[in-house]
Protein backbone atom coordinates (compact mmCIF):
# COMPACT_ATOMS: atom_id res chain seq x y z
CA MET A 1 -17.32 1.01 4.83
CA MET A 2 -17.18 0.58 1.08
CA GLY A 3 -14.56 3.30 0.73
CA SER A 4 -12.19 1.60 3.14
CA ALA A 5 -12.60 -1.72 1.32
CA ILE A 6 -11.76 -0.06 -1.99
CA THR A 7 -8.78 1.69 -0.40
CA ALA A 8 -7.48 -1.58 1.02
CA ALA A 9 -7.89 -3.29 -2.36
CA VAL A 10 -6.05 -0.53 -4.21
CA ALA A 11 -3.24 -0.41 -1.64
CA ASN A 12 -2.85 -4.19 -1.78
CA SER A 13 -2.77 -4.14 -5.59
CA VAL A 14 -0.09 -1.44 -5.58
CA TYR A 15 1.96 -3.43 -3.05
CA ASN A 16 1.72 -6.65 -5.03
CA GLY A 17 2.38 -4.88 -8.31
CA TYR A 18 5.54 -3.35 -6.86
CA THR A 19 6.99 -6.36 -5.02
CA LYS A 20 6.17 -9.37 -7.21
CA PRO A 21 8.07 -8.34 -10.37
CA ARG A 22 11.11 -7.31 -8.34
CA LEU A 23 11.14 -10.57 -6.38
CA VAL A 24 10.78 -12.57 -9.59
CA ASP A 25 13.84 -10.76 -10.96
CA LEU A 26 15.85 -12.16 -8.03
CA ASN A 27 14.82 -15.75 -8.98
CA ILE A 28 14.24 -16.79 -5.37
CA SER A 29 11.39 -18.96 -4.17
CA ASP A 30 9.82 -18.40 -0.74
CA MET A 31 11.43 -21.51 0.74
CA ALA A 32 14.90 -20.66 -0.56
CA ALA A 33 14.86 -17.14 0.90
CA SER A 34 16.13 -18.38 4.26
CA SER A 35 19.27 -19.91 2.77
CA THR A 36 20.37 -16.93 0.68
CA SER A 37 23.30 -14.61 1.25
CA THR A 38 23.05 -11.49 3.37
CA THR A 39 23.25 -9.20 0.35
CA THR A 40 20.28 -10.97 -1.24
CA LYS A 41 18.38 -10.75 2.04
CA ASP A 42 19.11 -7.03 2.14
CA MET A 43 17.78 -6.68 -1.40
CA ILE A 44 14.62 -8.56 -0.41
CA LYS A 45 14.18 -6.25 2.59
CA LEU A 46 14.56 -3.20 0.34
CA ILE A 47 11.97 -4.57 -2.07
CA TYR A 48 9.45 -5.15 0.72
CA ALA A 49 10.22 -1.74 2.22
CA GLY A 50 9.67 -0.09 -1.16
CA GLY A 51 6.35 -1.88 -1.53
CA PHE A 52 5.33 -0.73 1.93
CA ASN A 53 6.29 2.86 1.07
CA GLN A 54 4.19 2.71 -2.10
CA GLN A 55 1.29 1.39 -0.04
CA MET A 56 1.62 4.28 2.42
CA VAL A 57 1.60 6.81 -0.44
CA VAL A 58 -1.69 5.34 -1.67
CA LEU A 59 -3.20 5.45 1.83
CA ALA A 60 -2.06 9.06 2.31
CA ALA A 61 -3.62 9.99 -1.04
CA PHE A 62 -6.94 8.42 -0.10
CA ALA A 63 -6.83 10.14 3.30
CA ALA A 64 -6.15 13.49 1.63
CA ALA A 65 -9.01 12.92 -0.80
CA GLN A 66 -11.43 12.46 2.10
CA ILE A 67 -10.93 16.03 3.32
CA PRO A 68 -12.52 17.77 0.30
CA ALA A 69 -15.22 15.10 0.20
CA ALA A 70 -16.12 15.82 3.82
CA LEU A 71 -16.10 19.57 3.19
CA LEU A 72 -18.47 19.15 0.24
CA LEU A 73 -20.93 17.34 2.53
CA TRP A 74 -20.84 20.12 5.12
CA LYS A 75 -24.02 22.16 5.51
CA LYS A 76 -24.12 25.54 7.18
CA PRO A 77 -27.15 24.73 9.33
CA GLN A 78 -26.34 21.22 10.51
CA LEU A 79 -29.20 18.84 11.12
CA LYS A 80 -29.93 18.21 14.79
CA ALA A 81 -31.73 15.30 16.32
């Protein structure tokens, strides 16, 4: 439970760290985004897509890190109830 909370926090931090500076560079507020040109909207979509891709890389890395952790916990004679 704690591991998934840490993973979600790291993925969210990576997403925010990727998207916020790039959106600030466009100088667009949230309310003004609906009245922008199509090229600006496409740039905004690319920024959000890039942030999502970064988030998925973090989640894949955490998922891959769980495999060796699970193998290290494996015991040859497993405990039985």
